[in-house]
Amino acid sequence: MDKNEVCAKFAHIIQHGALSDKTQTRELDYYNLDMIISVCYRVKSKDGIIFRRWTNKVLKDYMIKGYAVNQSRLEYLEKTIKLIDIADRIENELKGSEAQEIIKVI
């Protein structure tokens, strides 16, 4: 495969340490999905087998369902909606600073 067709370069800014102001720009190669899958099918290791099973499952789900579901994002969204509902109920039942303090904690 021609590298110019299957690879793109993207610049990423990397911060050194959580409190540091020093940053560095690094150029990383990103390969397209066709390239990754074709290499994956040539690898004969345990990790290659796991990756092939995962890709086959994801591709099959796309073909059958026509869309993908990110379960962790759905769970986060459900929790957020529950917290908003709780905050609304507290605000309706309590008045003044008590409600605001409880909402801040939530």
PDB file of N, CA and C in Angstrom:
ATOM      1  N   MET A   1       0.845  -1.184   0.000  1.00  0.00           N
ATOM      2  CA  MET A   1       0.000   0.000   0.000  1.00  0.00           C
ATOM      3  C   MET A   1       0.884   1.239   0.000  1.00  0.00           C
ATOM      4  N   ASP A   2       0.423   2.263  -0.676  1.00  0.00           N
ATOM      5  CA  ASP A   2       1.152   3.518  -0.743  1.00  0.00           C
ATOM      6  C   ASP A   2       0.909   4.313   0.540  1.00  0.00           C
ATOM      7  N   LYS A   3       1.973   4.702   1.227  1.00  0.00           N
ATOM      8  CA  LYS A   3       1.845   5.402   2.501  1.00  0.00           C
ATOM      9  C   LYS A   3       1.104   6.727   2.353  1.00  0.00           C
ATOM     10  N   ASN A   4       1.253   7.379   1.219  1.00  0.00           N
ATOM     11  CA  ASN A   4       0.560   8.653   1.013  1.00  0.00           C
ATOM     12  C   ASN A   4      -0.953   8.480   0.955  1.00  0.00           C
ATOM     13  N   GLU A   5      -1.417   7.300   0.577  1.00  0.00           N
ATOM     14  CA  GLU A   5      -2.853   7.060   0.467  1.00  0.00           C
ATOM     15  C   GLU A   5      -3.474   6.577   1.779  1.00  0.00           C
ATOM     16  N   VAL A   6      -2.693   5.926   2.621  1.00  0.00           N
ATOM     17  CA  VAL A   6      -3.257   5.306   3.825  1.00  0.00           C
ATOM     18  C   VAL A   6      -2.837   5.995   5.111  1.00  0.00           C
ATOM     19  N   CYS A   7      -2.020   7.031   5.030  1.00  0.00           N
ATOM     20  CA  CYS A   7      -1.492   7.668   6.229  1.00  0.00           C
ATOM     21  C   CYS A   7      -1.677   9.176   6.146  1.00  0.00           C
ATOM     22  N   ALA A   8      -2.030   9.777   7.272  1.00  0.00           N
ATOM     23  CA  ALA A   8      -2.135  11.231   7.363  1.00  0.00           C
ATOM     24  C   ALA A   8      -1.366  11.679   8.596  1.00  0.00           C
ATOM     25  N   LYS A   9      -0.785  12.852   8.533  1.00  0.00           N
ATOM     26  CA  LYS A   9      -0.030  13.389   9.659  1.00  0.00           C
ATOM     27  C   LYS A   9      -0.880  14.453  10.358  1.00  0.00           C
ATOM     28  N   PHE A  10      -0.968  14.331  11.689  1.00  0.00           N
ATOM     29  CA  PHE A  10      -1.693  15.288  12.502  1.00  0.00           C
ATOM     30  C   PHE A  10      -0.775  15.803  13.590  1.00  0.00           C
ATOM     31  N   ALA A  11      -0.851  17.096  13.861  1.00  0.00           N
ATOM     32  CA  ALA A  11      -0.051  17.697  14.918  1.00  0.00           C
ATOM     33  C   ALA A  11      -0.840  17.657  16.220  1.00  0.00           C
ATOM     34  N   HIS A  12      -0.174  17.226  17.282  1.00  0.00           N
ATOM     35  CA  HIS A  12      -0.779  17.180  18.617  1.00  0.00           C
ATOM     36  C   HIS A  12       0.068  18.002  19.564  1.00  0.00           C
ATOM     37  N   ILE A  13      -0.585  18.760  20.415  1.00  0.00           N
ATOM     38  CA  ILE A  13       0.126  19.539  21.427  1.00  0.00           C
ATOM     39  C   ILE A  13       0.133  18.731  22.710  1.00  0.00           C
ATOM     40  N   ILE A  14       1.315  18.503  23.250  1.00  0.00           N
ATOM     41  CA  ILE A  14       1.487  17.680  24.445  1.00  0.00           C
ATOM     42  C   ILE A  14       1.965  18.580  25.570  1.00  0.00           C
ATOM     43  N   GLN A  15       1.285  18.504  26.723  1.00  0.00           N
ATOM     44  CA  GLN A  15       1.666  19.290  27.883  1.00  0.00           C
ATOM     45  C   GLN A  15       2.527  18.420  28.787  1.00  0.00           C
ATOM     46  N   HIS A  16       3.617  18.985  29.291  1.00  0.00           N
ATOM     47  CA  HIS A  16       4.531  18.255  30.166  1.00  0.00           C
ATOM     48  C   HIS A  16       4.147  18.506  31.617  1.00  0.00           C
ATOM     49  N   GLY A  17       3.520  17.530  32.249  1.00  0.00           N
ATOM     50  CA  GLY A  17       3.106  17.663  33.637  1.00  0.00           C
ATOM     51  C   GLY A  17       1.778  18.373  33.764  1.00  0.00           C
ATOM     52  N   ALA A  18       1.065  18.060  34.828  1.00  0.00           N
ATOM     53  CA  ALA A  18      -0.277  18.608  35.024  1.00  0.00           C
ATOM     54  C   ALA A  18      -0.253  20.116  35.285  1.00  0.00           C
ATOM     55  N   LEU A  19       0.767  20.596  35.989  1.00  0.00           N
ATOM     56  CA  LEU A  19       0.814  22.009  36.354  1.00  0.00           C
ATOM     57  C   LEU A  19       1.804  22.803  35.514  1.00  0.00           C
ATOM     58  N   SER A  20       2.408  22.177  34.548  1.00  0.00           N
ATOM     59  CA  SER A  20       3.443  22.818  33.756  1.00  0.00           C
ATOM     60  C   SER A  20       2.840  23.638  32.623  1.00  0.00           C
ATOM     61  N   ASP A  21       3.537  24.721  32.282  1.00  0.00           N
ATOM     62  CA  ASP A  21       3.140  25.548  31.145  1.00  0.00           C
ATOM     63  C   ASP A  21       3.880  25.146  29.880  1.00  0.00           C
ATOM     64  N   LYS A  22       4.807  24.206  30.002  1.00  0.00           N
ATOM     65  CA  LYS A  22       5.602  23.786  28.854  1.00  0.00           C
ATOM     66  C   LYS A  22       4.788  22.857  27.965  1.00  0.00           C
ATOM     67  N   THR A  23       4.764  23.185  26.698  1.00  0.00           N
ATOM     68  CA  THR A  23       4.060  22.333  25.738  1.00  0.00           C
ATOM     69  C   THR A  23       5.002  21.999  24.591  1.00  0.00           C
ATOM     70  N   GLN A  24       4.669  20.941  23.907  1.00  0.00           N
ATOM     71  CA  GLN A  24       5.465  20.492  22.764  1.00  0.00           C
ATOM     72  C   GLN A  24       4.497  20.023  21.687  1.00  0.00           C
ATOM     73  N   THR A  25       4.811  20.347  20.440  1.00  0.00           N
ATOM     74  CA  THR A  25       3.988  19.894  19.329  1.00  0.00           C
ATOM     75  C   THR A  25       4.654  18.688  18.704  1.00  0.00           C
ATOM     76  N   ARG A  26       3.889  17.617  18.558  1.00  0.00           N
ATOM     77  CA  ARG A  26       4.389  16.394  17.953  1.00  0.00           C
ATOM     78  C   ARG A  26       3.538  16.024  16.761  1.00  0.00           C
ATOM     79  N   GLU A  27       4.176  15.577  15.709  1.00  0.00           N
ATOM     80  CA  GLU A  27       3.461  15.143  14.521  1.00  0.00           C
ATOM     81  C   GLU A  27       3.322  13.628  14.561  1.00  0.00           C
ATOM     82  N   LEU A  28       2.078  13.133  14.509  1.00  0.00           N
ATOM     83  CA  LEU A  28       1.810  11.703  14.591  1.00  0.00           C
ATOM     84  C   LEU A  28       1.202  11.209  13.289  1.00  0.00           C
ATOM     85  N   ASP A  29       1.516   9.966  12.947  1.00  0.00           N
ATOM     86  CA  ASP A  29       0.930   9.332  11.765  1.00  0.00           C
ATOM     87  C   ASP A  29      -0.373   8.656  12.148  1.00  0.00           C
ATOM     88  N   TYR A  30      -1.407   8.900  11.389  1.00  0.00           N
ATOM     89  CA  TYR A  30      -2.688   8.219  11.560  1.00  0.00           C
ATOM     90  C   TYR A  30      -2.958   7.419  10.295  1.00  0.00           C
ATOM     91  N   TYR A  31      -3.219   6.139  10.479  1.00  0.00           N
ATOM     92  CA  TYR A  31      -3.488   5.266   9.338  1.00  0.00           C
ATOM     93  C   TYR A  31      -4.991   5.075   9.205  1.00  0.00           C
ATOM     94  N   ASN A  32      -5.451   4.927   7.963  1.00  0.00           N
ATOM     95  CA  ASN A  32      -6.887   4.761   7.766  1.00  0.00           C
ATOM     96  C   ASN A  32      -7.319   3.345   8.145  1.00  0.00           C
ATOM     97  N   LEU A  33      -8.606   3.165   8.290  1.00  0.00           N
ATOM     98  CA  LEU A  33      -9.164   1.906   8.777  1.00  0.00           C
ATOM     99  C   LEU A  33      -8.831   0.735   7.862  1.00  0.00           C
ATOM    100  N   ASP A  34      -8.834   0.947   6.546  1.00  0.00           N
ATOM    101  CA  ASP A  34      -8.497  -0.134   5.610  1.00  0.00           C
ATOM    102  C   ASP A  34      -7.100  -0.669   5.879  1.00  0.00           C
ATOM    103  N   MET A  35      -6.170   0.207   6.126  1.00  0.00           N
ATOM    104  CA  MET A  35      -4.787  -0.201   6.391  1.00  0.00           C
ATOM    105  C   MET A  35      -4.698  -0.981   7.697  1.00  0.00           C
ATOM    106  N   ILE A  36      -5.331  -0.485   8.733  1.00  0.00           N
ATOM    107  CA  ILE A  36      -5.275  -1.149  10.041  1.00  0.00           C
ATOM    108  C   ILE A  36      -5.855  -2.547   9.961  1.00  0.00           C
ATOM    109  N   ILE A  37      -7.015  -2.682   9.324  1.00  0.00           N
ATOM    110  CA  ILE A  37      -7.650  -3.995   9.234  1.00  0.00           C
ATOM    111  C   ILE A  37      -6.831  -4.953   8.371  1.00  0.00           C
ATOM    112  N   SER A  38      -6.260  -4.465   7.278  1.00  0.00           N
ATOM    113  CA  SER A  38      -5.474  -5.363   6.423  1.00  0.00           C
ATOM    114  C   SER A  38      -4.222  -5.857   7.138  1.00  0.00           C
ATOM    115  N   VAL A  39      -3.576  -5.002   7.906  1.00  0.00           N
ATOM    116  CA  VAL A  39      -2.409  -5.448   8.693  1.00  0.00           C
ATOM    117  C   VAL A  39      -2.858  -6.398   9.796  1.00  0.00           C
ATOM    118  N   CYS A  40      -3.978  -6.086  10.392  1.00  0.00           N
ATOM    119  CA  CYS A  40      -4.507  -6.928  11.480  1.00  0.00           C
ATOM    120  C   CYS A  40      -4.731  -8.360  11.021  1.00  0.00           C
ATOM    121  N   TYR A  41      -5.209  -8.542   9.810  1.00  0.00           N
ATOM    122  CA  TYR A  41      -5.491  -9.885   9.328  1.00  0.00           C
ATOM    123  C   TYR A  41      -4.226 -10.659   8.960  1.00  0.00           C
ATOM    124  N   ARG A  42      -3.085  -9.990   8.962  1.00  0.00           N
ATOM    125  CA  ARG A  42      -1.827 -10.680   8.689  1.00  0.00           C
ATOM    126  C   ARG A  42      -1.078 -11.034   9.974  1.00  0.00           C
ATOM    127  N   VAL A  43      -1.502 -10.497  11.093  1.00  0.00           N
ATOM    128  CA  VAL A  43      -0.852 -10.746  12.376  1.00  0.00           C
ATOM    129  C   VAL A  43      -1.389 -12.043  12.954  1.00  0.00           C
ATOM    130  N   LYS A  44      -0.502 -12.902  13.421  1.00  0.00           N
ATOM    131  CA  LYS A  44      -0.927 -14.203  13.929  1.00  0.00           C
ATOM    132  C   LYS A  44      -0.659 -14.336  15.435  1.00  0.00           C
ATOM    133  N   SER A  45      -0.857 -13.274  16.164  1.00  0.00           N
ATOM    134  CA  SER A  45      -0.648 -13.312  17.611  1.00  0.00           C
ATOM    135  C   SER A  45      -1.994 -13.339  18.323  1.00  0.00           C
ATOM    136  N   LYS A  46      -1.943 -13.496  19.647  1.00  0.00           N
ATOM    137  CA  LYS A  46      -3.157 -13.497  20.456  1.00  0.00           C
ATOM    138  C   LYS A  46      -3.861 -12.140  20.351  1.00  0.00           C
ATOM    139  N   ASP A  47      -3.078 -11.049  20.362  1.00  0.00           N
ATOM    140  CA  ASP A  47      -3.668  -9.715  20.236  1.00  0.00           C
ATOM    141  C   ASP A  47      -4.314  -9.518  18.865  1.00  0.00           C
ATOM    142  N   GLY A  48      -3.704 -10.072  17.828  1.00  0.00           N
ATOM    143  CA  GLY A  48      -4.278  -9.989  16.489  1.00  0.00           C
ATOM    144  C   GLY A  48      -5.630 -10.672  16.422  1.00  0.00           C
ATOM    145  N   ILE A  49      -5.739 -11.833  17.075  1.00  0.00           N
ATOM    146  CA  ILE A  49      -7.005 -12.577  17.104  1.00  0.00           C
ATOM    147  C   ILE A  49      -8.078 -11.770  17.838  1.00  0.00           C
ATOM    148  N   ILE A  50      -7.717 -11.203  18.973  1.00  0.00           N
ATOM    149  CA  ILE A  50      -8.670 -10.393  19.745  1.00  0.00           C
ATOM    150  C   ILE A  50      -9.134  -9.195  18.923  1.00  0.00           C
ATOM    151  N   PHE A  51      -8.188  -8.538  18.243  1.00  0.00           N
ATOM    152  CA  PHE A  51      -8.538  -7.377  17.428  1.00  0.00           C
ATOM    153  C   PHE A  51      -9.444  -7.775  16.270  1.00  0.00           C
ATOM    154  N   ARG A  52      -9.156  -8.893  15.617  1.00  0.00           N
ATOM    155  CA  ARG A  52     -10.004  -9.350  14.503  1.00  0.00           C
ATOM    156  C   ARG A  52     -11.410  -9.654  14.980  1.00  0.00           C
ATOM    157  N   ARG A  53     -11.547 -10.297  16.140  1.00  0.00           N
ATOM    158  CA  ARG A  53     -12.885 -10.584  16.675  1.00  0.00           C
ATOM    159  C   ARG A  53     -13.641  -9.296  16.962  1.00  0.00           C
ATOM    160  N   TRP A  54     -12.948  -8.335  17.551  1.00  0.00           N
ATOM    161  CA  TRP A  54     -13.582  -7.060  17.872  1.00  0.00           C
ATOM    162  C   TRP A  54     -14.010  -6.335  16.599  1.00  0.00           C
ATOM    163  N   THR A  55     -13.117  -6.241  15.593  1.00  0.00           N
ATOM    164  CA  THR A  55     -13.470  -5.541  14.360  1.00  0.00           C
ATOM    165  C   THR A  55     -14.621  -6.217  13.641  1.00  0.00           C
ATOM    166  N   ASN A  56     -14.605  -7.541  13.623  1.00  0.00           N
ATOM    167  CA  ASN A  56     -15.712  -8.254  12.976  1.00  0.00           C
ATOM    168  C   ASN A  56     -17.032  -7.978  13.674  1.00  0.00           C
ATOM    169  N   LYS A  57     -17.019  -7.939  15.006  1.00  0.00           N
ATOM    170  CA  LYS A  57     -18.239  -7.667  15.762  1.00  0.00           C
ATOM    171  C   LYS A  57     -18.742  -6.250  15.467  1.00  0.00           C
ATOM    172  N   VAL A  58     -17.826  -5.277  15.488  1.00  0.00           N
ATOM    173  CA  VAL A  58     -18.220  -3.891  15.237  1.00  0.00           C
ATOM    174  C   VAL A  58     -18.758  -3.724  13.817  1.00  0.00           C
ATOM    175  N   LEU A  59     -18.064  -4.282  12.842  1.00  0.00           N
ATOM    176  CA  LEU A  59     -18.522  -4.168  11.457  1.00  0.00           C
ATOM    177  C   LEU A  59     -19.865  -4.859  11.246  1.00  0.00           C
ATOM    178  N   LYS A  60     -20.050  -6.011  11.883  1.00  0.00           N
ATOM    179  CA  LYS A  60     -21.323  -6.729  11.768  1.00  0.00           C
ATOM    180  C   LYS A  60     -22.450  -5.894  12.375  1.00  0.00           C
ATOM    181  N   ASP A  61     -22.194  -5.287  13.546  1.00  0.00           N
ATOM    182  CA  ASP A  61     -23.205  -4.427  14.174  1.00  0.00           C
ATOM    183  C   ASP A  61     -23.562  -3.250  13.275  1.00  0.00           C
ATOM    184  N   TYR A  62     -22.550  -2.638  12.643  1.00  0.00           N
ATOM    185  CA  TYR A  62     -22.818  -1.535  11.716  1.00  0.00           C
ATOM    186  C   TYR A  62     -23.697  -1.996  10.564  1.00  0.00           C
ATOM    187  N   MET A  63     -23.397  -3.173  10.017  1.00  0.00           N
ATOM    188  CA  MET A  63     -24.170  -3.652   8.875  1.00  0.00           C
ATOM    189  C   MET A  63     -25.601  -4.002   9.271  1.00  0.00           C
ATOM    190  N   ILE A  64     -25.782  -4.586  10.437  1.00  0.00           N
ATOM    191  CA  ILE A  64     -27.117  -5.003  10.865  1.00  0.00           C
ATOM    192  C   ILE A  64     -27.936  -3.819  11.365  1.00  0.00           C
ATOM    193  N   LYS A  65     -27.353  -3.043  12.297  1.00  0.00           N
ATOM    194  CA  LYS A  65     -28.086  -1.939  12.906  1.00  0.00           C
ATOM    195  C   LYS A  65     -28.062  -0.670  12.061  1.00  0.00           C
ATOM    196  N   GLY A  66     -26.956  -0.432  11.400  1.00  0.00           N
ATOM    197  CA  GLY A  66     -26.799   0.799  10.639  1.00  0.00           C
ATOM    198  C   GLY A  66     -26.249   1.945  11.463  1.00  0.00           C
ATOM    199  N   TYR A  67     -25.909   1.687  12.733  1.00  0.00           N
ATOM    200  CA  TYR A  67     -25.340   2.725  13.596  1.00  0.00           C
ATOM    201  C   TYR A  67     -24.540   2.053  14.712  1.00  0.00           C
ATOM    202  N   ALA A  68     -23.793   2.849  15.460  1.00  0.00           N
ATOM    203  CA  ALA A  68     -22.996   2.347  16.580  1.00  0.00           C
ATOM    204  C   ALA A  68     -23.501   2.975  17.875  1.00  0.00           C
ATOM    205  N   VAL A  69     -23.347   2.262  18.968  1.00  0.00           N
ATOM    206  CA  VAL A  69     -23.763   2.744  20.279  1.00  0.00           C
ATOM    207  C   VAL A  69     -22.536   2.804  21.182  1.00  0.00           C
ATOM    208  N   ASN A  70     -22.310   3.967  21.775  1.00  0.00           N
ATOM    209  CA  ASN A  70     -21.231   4.128  22.738  1.00  0.00           C
ATOM    210  C   ASN A  70     -21.864   3.990  24.121  1.00  0.00           C
ATOM    211  N   GLN A  71     -21.750   2.808  24.707  1.00  0.00           N
ATOM    212  CA  GLN A  71     -22.435   2.482  25.962  1.00  0.00           C
ATOM    213  C   GLN A  71     -22.001   3.388  27.106  1.00  0.00           C
ATOM    214  N   SER A  72     -20.720   3.698  27.206  1.00  0.00           N
ATOM    215  CA  SER A  72     -20.254   4.539  28.319  1.00  0.00           C
ATOM    216  C   SER A  72     -20.830   5.952  28.220  1.00  0.00           C
ATOM    217  N   ARG A  73     -20.951   6.483  27.002  1.00  0.00           N
ATOM    218  CA  ARG A  73     -21.554   7.811  26.850  1.00  0.00           C
ATOM    219  C   ARG A  73     -23.036   7.790  27.194  1.00  0.00           C
ATOM    220  N   LEU A  74     -23.719   6.719  26.826  1.00  0.00           N
ATOM    221  CA  LEU A  74     -25.140   6.610  27.175  1.00  0.00           C
ATOM    222  C   LEU A  74     -25.333   6.558  28.681  1.00  0.00           C
ATOM    223  N   GLU A  75     -24.495   5.787  29.380  1.00  0.00           N
ATOM    224  CA  GLU A  75     -24.597   5.694  30.835  1.00  0.00           C
ATOM    225  C   GLU A  75     -24.322   7.045  31.480  1.00  0.00           C
ATOM    226  N   TYR A  76     -23.310   7.770  30.979  1.00  0.00           N
ATOM    227  CA  TYR A  76     -22.992   9.101  31.510  1.00  0.00           C
ATOM    228  C   TYR A  76     -24.162  10.051  31.288  1.00  0.00           C
ATOM    229  N   LEU A  77     -24.763   9.987  30.102  1.00  0.00           N
ATOM    230  CA  LEU A  77     -25.904  10.839  29.794  1.00  0.00           C
ATOM    231  C   LEU A  77     -27.084  10.528  30.713  1.00  0.00           C
ATOM    232  N   GLU A  78     -27.345   9.242  30.960  1.00  0.00           N
ATOM    233  CA  GLU A  78     -28.444   8.865  31.855  1.00  0.00           C
ATOM    234  C   GLU A  78     -28.206   9.397  33.266  1.00  0.00           C
ATOM    235  N   LYS A  79     -26.968   9.302  33.756  1.00  0.00           N
ATOM    236  CA  LYS A  79     -26.651   9.821  35.091  1.00  0.00           C
ATOM    237  C   LYS A  79     -26.832  11.325  35.144  1.00  0.00           C
ATOM    238  N   THR A  80     -26.409  12.013  34.091  1.00  0.00           N
ATOM    239  CA  THR A  80     -26.539  13.462  34.039  1.00  0.00           C
ATOM    240  C   THR A  80     -28.008  13.872  34.051  1.00  0.00           C
ATOM    241  N   ILE A  81     -28.829  13.175  33.291  1.00  0.00           N
ATOM    242  CA  ILE A  81     -30.267  13.479  33.251  1.00  0.00           C
ATOM    243  C   ILE A  81     -30.893  13.253  34.624  1.00  0.00           C
ATOM    244  N   LYS A  82     -30.503  12.168  35.308  1.00  0.00           N
ATOM    245  CA  LYS A  82     -31.026  11.910  36.655  1.00  0.00           C
ATOM    246  C   LYS A  82     -30.644  13.032  37.607  1.00  0.00           C
ATOM    247  N   LEU A  83     -29.390  13.496  37.536  1.00  0.00           N
ATOM    248  CA  LEU A  83     -28.947  14.577  38.411  1.00  0.00           C
ATOM    249  C   LEU A  83     -29.706  15.871  38.124  1.00  0.00           C
ATOM    250  N   ILE A  84     -29.978  16.130  36.873  1.00  0.00           N
ATOM    251  CA  ILE A  84     -30.739  17.338  36.516  1.00  0.00           C
ATOM    252  C   ILE A  84     -32.161  17.233  37.060  1.00  0.00           C
ATOM    253  N   ASP A  85     -32.761  16.048  36.949  1.00  0.00           N
ATOM    254  CA  ASP A  85     -34.108  15.844  37.498  1.00  0.00           C
ATOM    255  C   ASP A  85     -34.128  16.051  39.010  1.00  0.00           C
ATOM    256  N   ILE A  86     -33.116  15.512  39.692  1.00  0.00           N
ATOM    257  CA  ILE A  86     -33.033  15.676  41.146  1.00  0.00           C
ATOM    258  C   ILE A  86     -32.879  17.150  41.497  1.00  0.00           C
ATOM    259  N   ALA A  87     -32.016  17.848  40.763  1.00  0.00           N
ATOM    260  CA  ALA A  87     -31.799  19.273  41.023  1.00  0.00           C
ATOM    261  C   ALA A  87     -33.087  20.065  40.810  1.00  0.00           C
ATOM    262  N   ASP A  88     -33.849  19.733  39.777  1.00  0.00           N
ATOM    263  CA  ASP A  88     -35.115  20.431  39.523  1.00  0.00           C
ATOM    264  C   ASP A  88     -36.113  20.193  40.651  1.00  0.00           C
ATOM    265  N   ARG A  89     -36.195  18.938  41.110  1.00  0.00           N
ATOM    266  CA  ARG A  89     -37.123  18.628  42.210  1.00  0.00           C
ATOM    267  C   ARG A  89     -36.732  19.356  43.489  1.00  0.00           C
ATOM    268  N   ILE A  90     -35.424  19.392  43.772  1.00  0.00           N
ATOM    269  CA  ILE A  90     -34.963  20.079  44.975  1.00  0.00           C
ATOM    270  C   ILE A  90     -35.278  21.564  44.880  1.00  0.00           C
ATOM    271  N   GLU A  91     -35.049  22.138  43.723  1.00  0.00           N
ATOM    272  CA  GLU A  91     -35.299  23.566  43.540  1.00  0.00           C
ATOM    273  C   GLU A  91     -36.782  23.894  43.694  1.00  0.00           C
ATOM    274  N   ASN A  92     -37.649  22.979  43.235  1.00  0.00           N
ATOM    275  CA  ASN A  92     -39.092  23.211  43.351  1.00  0.00           C
ATOM    276  C   ASN A  92     -39.572  23.056  44.784  1.00  0.00           C
ATOM    277  N   GLU A  93     -38.960  22.134  45.543  1.00  0.00           N
ATOM    278  CA  GLU A  93     -39.415  21.870  46.909  1.00  0.00           C
ATOM    279  C   GLU A  93     -38.798  22.823  47.929  1.00  0.00           C
ATOM    280  N   LEU A  94     -37.540  23.164  47.748  1.00  0.00           N
ATOM    281  CA  LEU A  94     -36.863  24.047  48.691  1.00  0.00           C
ATOM    282  C   LEU A  94     -36.709  25.431  48.076  1.00  0.00           C
ATOM    283  N   LYS A  95     -36.745  26.407  48.896  1.00  0.00           N
ATOM    284  CA  LYS A  95     -36.603  27.783  48.419  1.00  0.00           C
ATOM    285  C   LYS A  95     -35.326  28.393  48.988  1.00  0.00           C
ATOM    286  N   GLY A  96     -34.789  29.332  48.254  1.00  0.00           N
ATOM    287  CA  GLY A  96     -33.689  30.135  48.764  1.00  0.00           C
ATOM    288  C   GLY A  96     -32.337  29.457  48.722  1.00  0.00           C
ATOM    289  N   SER A  97     -31.546  29.765  49.722  1.00  0.00           N
ATOM    290  CA  SER A  97     -30.145  29.350  49.734  1.00  0.00           C
ATOM    291  C   SER A  97     -29.977  27.850  49.953  1.00  0.00           C
ATOM    292  N   GLU A  98     -30.917  27.202  50.669  1.00  0.00           N
ATOM    293  CA  GLU A  98     -30.798  25.753  50.881  1.00  0.00           C
ATOM    294  C   GLU A  98     -30.767  25.012  49.558  1.00  0.00           C
ATOM    295  N   ALA A  99     -31.691  25.338  48.684  1.00  0.00           N
ATOM    296  CA  ALA A  99     -31.770  24.664  47.394  1.00  0.00           C
ATOM    297  C   ALA A  99     -30.510  24.929  46.571  1.00  0.00           C
ATOM    298  N   GLN A 100     -30.037  26.155  46.580  1.00  0.00           N
ATOM    299  CA  GLN A 100     -28.838  26.490  45.796  1.00  0.00           C
ATOM    300  C   GLN A 100     -27.624  25.748  46.311  1.00  0.00           C
ATOM    301  N   GLU A 101     -27.479  25.606  47.624  1.00  0.00           N
ATOM    302  CA  GLU A 101     -26.332  24.897  48.190  1.00  0.00           C
ATOM    303  C   GLU A 101     -26.375  23.410  47.839  1.00  0.00           C
ATOM    304  N   ILE A 102     -27.552  22.815  47.892  1.00  0.00           N
ATOM    305  CA  ILE A 102     -27.685  21.390  47.547  1.00  0.00           C
ATOM    306  C   ILE A 102     -27.409  21.186  46.070  1.00  0.00           C
ATOM    307  N   ILE A 103     -27.903  22.068  45.222  1.00  0.00           N
ATOM    308  CA  ILE A 103     -27.660  21.968  43.776  1.00  0.00           C
ATOM    309  C   ILE A 103     -26.175  22.100  43.468  1.00  0.00           C
ATOM    310  N   LYS A 104     -25.465  22.988  44.179  1.00  0.00           N
ATOM    311  CA  LYS A 104     -24.018  23.121  43.983  1.00  0.00           C
ATOM    312  C   LYS A 104     -23.301  21.824  44.293  1.00  0.00           C
ATOM    313  N   VAL A 105     -23.732  21.151  45.362  1.00  0.00           N
ATOM    314  CA  VAL A 105     -23.100  19.868  45.728  1.00  0.00           C
ATOM    315  C   VAL A 105     -23.337  18.830  44.645  1.00  0.00           C
ATOM    316  N   ILE A 106     -24.553  18.772  44.118  1.00  0.00           N
ATOM    317  CA  ILE A 106     -24.865  17.809  43.059  1.00  0.00           C
ATOM    318  C   ILE A 106     -24.058  18.133  41.835  1.00  0.00           C
TER     319      ILE A 106
END
